[in-house]
Amino acid sequence: MRRSQGKKFDGSGSCSYDQQAFAATGDIPAYQLRSPNSGLSHSIVMAASPGSMQSPSHHTENITRKREVRLMKNREAARECRRKKKEYVKCLENRVAVLENQNKTLIEELKALKDIYCHKAE
């Protein structure tokens, strides 16, 4: 187990320097909390993830970077959505044109059949 200098917090709220313990992997710092009259065997160990040890400015930069990435992804998704909508509208317009032509042809055919039927009836 690796050790380096850290802060020791006693029960009175003040702190002094003590050994900072790291996990066996060395990636999670742990702080030992103990009261002035207690020994190391009764101490409380608090572990913190490396992300929580960041400075406020680094945290703000991280949030800003995540926001920018999210906004960029959203812009891309919106662009793709507009492209698909435009393609869909063009498809609908083509279908309308085809159906209008088909309707016109059927109306002409109906008129022709009515004319033939009326001439036979006479």
N, C-alpha and C. Protein backbone atom coordinates (compact mmCIF):
# COMPACT_ATOMS: atom_id res chain seq x y z
N MET A 1 0.86 -1.17 0.00
CA MET A 1 0.00 0.00 0.00
C MET A 1 0.90 1.23 0.00
N ARG A 2 0.58 2.17 -0.90
CA ARG A 2 1.36 3.38 -1.04
C ARG A 2 0.82 4.46 -0.10
N ARG A 3 1.69 5.29 0.47
CA ARG A 3 1.26 6.35 1.38
C ARG A 3 1.94 7.65 0.99
N SER A 4 1.22 8.74 1.21
CA SER A 4 1.82 10.06 1.01
C SER A 4 1.21 11.01 2.03
N GLN A 5 1.73 12.22 2.11
CA GLN A 5 1.22 13.19 3.09
C GLN A 5 -0.21 13.58 2.78
N GLY A 6 -1.03 13.76 3.82
CA GLY A 6 -2.41 14.17 3.68
C GLY A 6 -2.85 14.89 4.93
N LYS A 7 -4.13 15.21 5.00
CA LYS A 7 -4.65 15.93 6.16
C LYS A 7 -5.30 14.96 7.13
N LYS A 8 -5.14 15.23 8.43
CA LYS A 8 -5.79 14.44 9.47
C LYS A 8 -6.84 15.34 10.11
N PHE A 9 -8.07 14.85 10.17
CA PHE A 9 -9.17 15.62 10.76
C PHE A 9 -9.47 15.04 12.12
N ASP A 10 -9.44 15.87 13.14
CA ASP A 10 -9.78 15.35 14.46
C ASP A 10 -11.21 15.74 14.81
N GLY A 11 -11.71 15.27 15.93
CA GLY A 11 -13.09 15.50 16.33
C GLY A 11 -13.42 16.96 16.59
N SER A 12 -12.44 17.80 16.83
CA SER A 12 -12.71 19.20 17.14
C SER A 12 -12.97 20.03 15.89
N GLY A 13 -12.81 19.45 14.72
CA GLY A 13 -13.05 20.19 13.48
C GLY A 13 -11.76 20.74 12.90
N SER A 14 -10.67 20.75 13.66
CA SER A 14 -9.40 21.22 13.10
C SER A 14 -8.72 20.07 12.39
N CYS A 15 -7.75 20.38 11.57
CA CYS A 15 -7.07 19.32 10.86
C CYS A 15 -5.58 19.51 10.95
N SER A 16 -4.88 18.41 10.96
CA SER A 16 -3.43 18.43 10.93
C SER A 16 -2.99 17.41 9.90
N TYR A 17 -1.72 17.42 9.53
CA TYR A 17 -1.25 16.51 8.50
C TYR A 17 -1.00 15.14 9.07
N ASP A 18 -1.41 14.15 8.30
CA ASP A 18 -1.23 12.75 8.65
C ASP A 18 -0.92 12.02 7.34
N GLN A 19 -0.83 10.73 7.39
CA GLN A 19 -0.58 9.95 6.19
C GLN A 19 -1.88 9.78 5.41
N GLN A 20 -1.83 9.98 4.08
CA GLN A 20 -2.97 9.75 3.20
C GLN A 20 -2.79 8.37 2.61
N ALA A 21 -3.76 7.50 2.79
CA ALA A 21 -3.64 6.13 2.31
C ALA A 21 -4.30 6.00 0.95
N PHE A 22 -3.68 5.24 0.07
CA PHE A 22 -4.26 4.96 -1.24
C PHE A 22 -4.59 3.48 -1.29
N ALA A 23 -5.60 3.15 -2.07
CA ALA A 23 -5.98 1.75 -2.26
C ALA A 23 -4.83 1.03 -2.94
N ALA A 24 -4.90 -0.28 -2.96
CA ALA A 24 -3.81 -1.09 -3.53
C ALA A 24 -3.54 -0.71 -4.97
N THR A 25 -4.57 -0.30 -5.70
CA THR A 25 -4.38 0.08 -7.09
C THR A 25 -3.81 1.48 -7.21
N GLY A 26 -3.89 2.27 -6.16
CA GLY A 26 -3.33 3.62 -6.16
C GLY A 26 -4.22 4.64 -6.84
N ASP A 27 -5.48 4.31 -7.12
CA ASP A 27 -6.32 5.24 -7.85
C ASP A 27 -7.35 5.96 -6.98
N ILE A 28 -7.62 5.50 -5.78
CA ILE A 28 -8.62 6.14 -4.93
C ILE A 28 -7.96 6.61 -3.64
N PRO A 29 -7.85 7.92 -3.44
CA PRO A 29 -7.26 8.41 -2.20
C PRO A 29 -8.21 8.18 -1.03
N ALA A 30 -7.68 7.86 0.12
CA ALA A 30 -8.50 7.65 1.31
C ALA A 30 -7.93 8.49 2.44
N TYR A 31 -8.78 9.10 3.21
CA TYR A 31 -8.37 9.94 4.33
C TYR A 31 -8.79 9.27 5.63
N GLN A 32 -7.90 9.26 6.60
CA GLN A 32 -8.20 8.66 7.89
C GLN A 32 -8.69 9.75 8.84
N LEU A 33 -9.85 9.52 9.39
CA LEU A 33 -10.43 10.44 10.35
C LEU A 33 -10.36 9.80 11.73
N ARG A 34 -9.85 10.52 12.69
CA ARG A 34 -9.81 9.97 14.05
C ARG A 34 -9.87 11.09 15.07
N SER A 35 -10.39 10.74 16.20
CA SER A 35 -10.46 11.72 17.29
C SER A 35 -9.10 11.78 17.97
N PRO A 36 -8.83 12.83 18.76
CA PRO A 36 -7.52 12.98 19.37
C PRO A 36 -7.14 11.82 20.30
N ASN A 37 -8.09 11.19 20.94
CA ASN A 37 -7.78 10.14 21.91
C ASN A 37 -7.81 8.74 21.31
N SER A 38 -8.17 8.62 20.05
CA SER A 38 -8.29 7.29 19.47
C SER A 38 -7.02 6.92 18.73
N GLY A 39 -6.81 5.64 18.58
CA GLY A 39 -5.64 5.15 17.86
C GLY A 39 -6.01 4.85 16.41
N LEU A 40 -5.04 4.44 15.63
CA LEU A 40 -5.25 4.14 14.23
C LEU A 40 -6.22 2.98 14.03
N SER A 41 -6.26 2.04 14.98
CA SER A 41 -7.12 0.88 14.82
C SER A 41 -8.61 1.25 14.87
N HIS A 42 -8.95 2.38 15.48
CA HIS A 42 -10.35 2.79 15.57
C HIS A 42 -10.68 3.93 14.61
N SER A 43 -9.83 4.21 13.67
CA SER A 43 -10.05 5.35 12.78
C SER A 43 -11.08 5.01 11.72
N ILE A 44 -11.65 6.02 11.14
CA ILE A 44 -12.62 5.88 10.06
C ILE A 44 -11.90 6.28 8.78
N VAL A 45 -12.04 5.50 7.75
CA VAL A 45 -11.38 5.79 6.49
C VAL A 45 -12.44 6.23 5.48
N MET A 46 -12.23 7.41 4.91
CA MET A 46 -13.13 7.92 3.87
C MET A 46 -12.41 7.83 2.55
N ALA A 47 -13.05 7.24 1.56
CA ALA A 47 -12.45 7.15 0.22
C ALA A 47 -13.19 8.10 -0.69
N ALA A 48 -12.46 8.69 -1.61
CA ALA A 48 -13.06 9.60 -2.58
C ALA A 48 -12.65 9.17 -3.97
N SER A 49 -13.57 9.27 -4.91
CA SER A 49 -13.22 8.93 -6.28
C SER A 49 -12.35 10.04 -6.84
N PRO A 50 -11.50 9.72 -7.83
CA PRO A 50 -10.62 10.74 -8.39
C PRO A 50 -11.40 11.92 -8.98
N GLY A 51 -12.62 11.68 -9.49
CA GLY A 51 -13.41 12.76 -10.06
C GLY A 51 -13.84 13.79 -9.03
N SER A 52 -14.04 13.35 -7.79
CA SER A 52 -14.48 14.29 -6.76
C SER A 52 -13.33 15.13 -6.22
N MET A 53 -12.10 14.81 -6.59
CA MET A 53 -10.94 15.53 -6.11
C MET A 53 -10.55 16.67 -7.06
N GLN A 54 -11.38 16.92 -8.09
CA GLN A 54 -11.06 17.94 -9.07
C GLN A 54 -11.27 19.33 -8.48
N SER A 55 -10.54 20.27 -9.03
CA SER A 55 -10.72 21.66 -8.60
C SER A 55 -12.01 22.20 -9.19
N PRO A 56 -12.59 23.24 -8.60
CA PRO A 56 -13.85 23.80 -9.12
C PRO A 56 -13.72 24.28 -10.57
N SER A 57 -12.58 24.86 -10.94
CA SER A 57 -12.44 25.34 -12.31
C SER A 57 -12.40 24.18 -13.29
N HIS A 58 -11.73 23.08 -12.90
CA HIS A 58 -11.68 21.90 -13.77
C HIS A 58 -13.08 21.29 -13.89
N HIS A 59 -13.82 21.28 -12.79
CA HIS A 59 -15.19 20.77 -12.79
C HIS A 59 -16.06 21.61 -13.73
N THR A 60 -15.92 22.93 -13.68
CA THR A 60 -16.68 23.83 -14.54
C THR A 60 -16.31 23.60 -16.00
N GLU A 61 -15.02 23.44 -16.28
CA GLU A 61 -14.57 23.17 -17.64
C GLU A 61 -15.15 21.86 -18.15
N ASN A 62 -15.18 20.87 -17.28
CA ASN A 62 -15.72 19.56 -17.64
C ASN A 62 -17.20 19.68 -17.98
N ILE A 63 -17.95 20.41 -17.17
CA ILE A 63 -19.38 20.61 -17.42
C ILE A 63 -19.57 21.36 -18.73
N THR A 64 -18.76 22.40 -18.96
CA THR A 64 -18.87 23.19 -20.20
C THR A 64 -18.56 22.32 -21.41
N ARG A 65 -17.53 21.48 -21.31
CA ARG A 65 -17.16 20.60 -22.42
C ARG A 65 -18.29 19.61 -22.71
N LYS A 66 -18.86 19.04 -21.66
CA LYS A 66 -19.96 18.09 -21.84
C LYS A 66 -21.16 18.78 -22.48
N ARG A 67 -21.43 20.02 -22.08
CA ARG A 67 -22.55 20.78 -22.64
C ARG A 67 -22.31 21.03 -24.13
N GLU A 68 -21.08 21.42 -24.48
CA GLU A 68 -20.76 21.68 -25.88
C GLU A 68 -20.90 20.42 -26.72
N VAL A 69 -20.46 19.29 -26.19
CA VAL A 69 -20.59 18.03 -26.91
C VAL A 69 -22.06 17.69 -27.09
N ARG A 70 -22.85 17.87 -26.02
CA ARG A 70 -24.28 17.58 -26.09
C ARG A 70 -24.96 18.48 -27.13
N LEU A 71 -24.62 19.78 -27.13
CA LEU A 71 -25.21 20.70 -28.09
C LEU A 71 -24.81 20.34 -29.52
N MET A 72 -23.55 19.94 -29.71
CA MET A 72 -23.10 19.55 -31.04
C MET A 72 -23.85 18.32 -31.53
N LYS A 73 -24.02 17.33 -30.65
CA LYS A 73 -24.77 16.13 -31.02
C LYS A 73 -26.22 16.48 -31.33
N ASN A 74 -26.78 17.39 -30.56
CA ASN A 74 -28.17 17.81 -30.78
C ASN A 74 -28.31 18.51 -32.13
N ARG A 75 -27.32 19.37 -32.49
CA ARG A 75 -27.36 20.05 -33.79
C ARG A 75 -27.31 19.03 -34.92
N GLU A 76 -26.44 18.03 -34.78
CA GLU A 76 -26.33 16.99 -35.80
C GLU A 76 -27.64 16.21 -35.93
N ALA A 77 -28.24 15.87 -34.79
CA ALA A 77 -29.50 15.13 -34.80
C ALA A 77 -30.61 15.97 -35.43
N ALA A 78 -30.63 17.27 -35.12
CA ALA A 78 -31.65 18.16 -35.70
C ALA A 78 -31.46 18.28 -37.21
N ARG A 79 -30.20 18.39 -37.65
CA ARG A 79 -29.90 18.48 -39.08
C ARG A 79 -30.38 17.21 -39.80
N GLU A 80 -30.09 16.06 -39.20
CA GLU A 80 -30.51 14.78 -39.78
C GLU A 80 -32.04 14.68 -39.81
N CYS A 81 -32.69 15.15 -38.77
CA CYS A 81 -34.16 15.13 -38.69
C CYS A 81 -34.76 16.02 -39.79
N ARG A 82 -34.19 17.21 -39.98
CA ARG A 82 -34.68 18.10 -41.05
C ARG A 82 -34.48 17.48 -42.42
N ARG A 83 -33.33 16.81 -42.62
CA ARG A 83 -33.06 16.16 -43.90
C ARG A 83 -34.08 15.05 -44.18
N LYS A 84 -34.35 14.23 -43.16
CA LYS A 84 -35.32 13.15 -43.32
C LYS A 84 -36.73 13.70 -43.58
N LYS A 85 -37.07 14.78 -42.89
CA LYS A 85 -38.40 15.38 -43.08
C LYS A 85 -38.54 15.92 -44.51
N LYS A 86 -37.49 16.57 -45.00
CA LYS A 86 -37.51 17.11 -46.36
C LYS A 86 -37.67 15.97 -47.36
N GLU A 87 -36.95 14.87 -47.14
CA GLU A 87 -37.06 13.70 -48.02
C GLU A 87 -38.47 13.12 -47.97
N TYR A 88 -39.04 13.06 -46.78
CA TYR A 88 -40.40 12.53 -46.60
C TYR A 88 -41.41 13.41 -47.31
N VAL A 89 -41.27 14.73 -47.19
CA VAL A 89 -42.20 15.66 -47.85
C VAL A 89 -42.09 15.53 -49.36
N LYS A 90 -40.87 15.40 -49.89
CA LYS A 90 -40.71 15.21 -51.34
C LYS A 90 -41.39 13.92 -51.79
N CYS A 91 -41.24 12.88 -51.00
CA CYS A 91 -41.89 11.61 -51.32
C CYS A 91 -43.41 11.77 -51.35
N LEU A 92 -43.95 12.48 -50.36
CA LEU A 92 -45.40 12.73 -50.33
C LEU A 92 -45.85 13.58 -51.52
N GLU A 93 -45.05 14.59 -51.88
CA GLU A 93 -45.39 15.43 -53.04
C GLU A 93 -45.41 14.60 -54.32
N ASN A 94 -44.43 13.70 -54.47
CA ASN A 94 -44.41 12.83 -55.64
C ASN A 94 -45.63 11.92 -55.67
N ARG A 95 -45.99 11.41 -54.51
CA ARG A 95 -47.16 10.54 -54.44
C ARG A 95 -48.44 11.31 -54.77
N VAL A 96 -48.53 12.54 -54.31
CA VAL A 96 -49.69 13.38 -54.63
C VAL A 96 -49.77 13.58 -56.15
N ALA A 97 -48.63 13.88 -56.77
CA ALA A 97 -48.62 14.09 -58.22
C ALA A 97 -49.07 12.82 -58.96
N VAL A 98 -48.57 11.65 -58.53
CA VAL A 98 -48.95 10.39 -59.16
C VAL A 98 -50.45 10.14 -58.98
N LEU A 99 -50.95 10.36 -57.77
CA LEU A 99 -52.38 10.13 -57.51
C LEU A 99 -53.27 11.11 -58.26
N GLU A 100 -52.81 12.36 -58.40
CA GLU A 100 -53.59 13.34 -59.17
C GLU A 100 -53.68 12.92 -60.63
N ASN A 101 -52.54 12.46 -61.19
CA ASN A 101 -52.56 11.98 -62.58
C ASN A 101 -53.47 10.76 -62.73
N GLN A 102 -53.37 9.86 -61.77
CA GLN A 102 -54.21 8.66 -61.81
C GLN A 102 -55.69 9.05 -61.71
N ASN A 103 -56.01 9.99 -60.84
CA ASN A 103 -57.39 10.45 -60.67
C ASN A 103 -57.89 11.09 -61.96
N LYS A 104 -57.05 11.91 -62.59
CA LYS A 104 -57.42 12.58 -63.85
C LYS A 104 -57.70 11.53 -64.92
N THR A 105 -56.85 10.53 -65.01
CA THR A 105 -57.03 9.45 -66.00
C THR A 105 -58.34 8.70 -65.73
N LEU A 106 -58.61 8.40 -64.47
CA LEU A 106 -59.83 7.67 -64.14
C LEU A 106 -61.08 8.50 -64.43
N ILE A 107 -61.02 9.80 -64.18
CA ILE A 107 -62.16 10.68 -64.48
C ILE A 107 -62.42 10.69 -65.99
N GLU A 108 -61.34 10.78 -66.79
CA GLU A 108 -61.49 10.77 -68.25
C GLU A 108 -62.06 9.44 -68.73
N GLU A 109 -61.59 8.35 -68.12
CA GLU A 109 -62.10 7.02 -68.48
C GLU A 109 -63.56 6.90 -68.11
N LEU A 110 -63.96 7.43 -66.98
CA LEU A 110 -65.36 7.40 -66.54
C LEU A 110 -66.23 8.18 -67.52
N LYS A 111 -65.78 9.35 -67.94
CA LYS A 111 -66.54 10.16 -68.92
C LYS A 111 -66.70 9.39 -70.23
N ALA A 112 -65.61 8.76 -70.65
CA ALA A 112 -65.67 8.00 -71.90
C ALA A 112 -66.67 6.85 -71.78
N LEU A 113 -66.65 6.14 -70.67
CA LEU A 113 -67.59 5.04 -70.46
C LEU A 113 -69.03 5.53 -70.37
N LYS A 114 -69.23 6.70 -69.76
CA LYS A 114 -70.59 7.27 -69.69
C LYS A 114 -71.08 7.63 -71.08
N ASP A 115 -70.17 8.20 -71.90
CA ASP A 115 -70.56 8.57 -73.26
C ASP A 115 -70.95 7.31 -74.06
N ILE A 116 -70.17 6.24 -73.91
CA ILE A 116 -70.46 5.01 -74.61
C ILE A 116 -71.79 4.45 -74.11
N TYR A 117 -72.03 4.47 -72.83
CA TYR A 117 -73.25 3.93 -72.25
C TYR A 117 -74.46 4.75 -72.70
N CYS A 118 -74.31 6.08 -72.74
CA CYS A 118 -75.42 6.94 -73.15
C CYS A 118 -75.74 6.75 -74.63
N HIS A 119 -74.74 6.53 -75.48
CA HIS A 119 -74.98 6.33 -76.89
C HIS A 119 -75.65 4.99 -77.14
N LYS A 120 -75.35 3.96 -76.34
CA LYS A 120 -75.98 2.66 -76.51
C LYS A 120 -77.44 2.72 -76.06
N ALA A 121 -77.71 3.55 -75.07
CA ALA A 121 -79.06 3.63 -74.52
C ALA A 121 -79.98 4.33 -75.51
N GLU A 122 -79.49 5.12 -76.36
CA GLU A 122 -80.33 5.85 -77.30
C GLU A 122 -80.78 5.05 -78.42
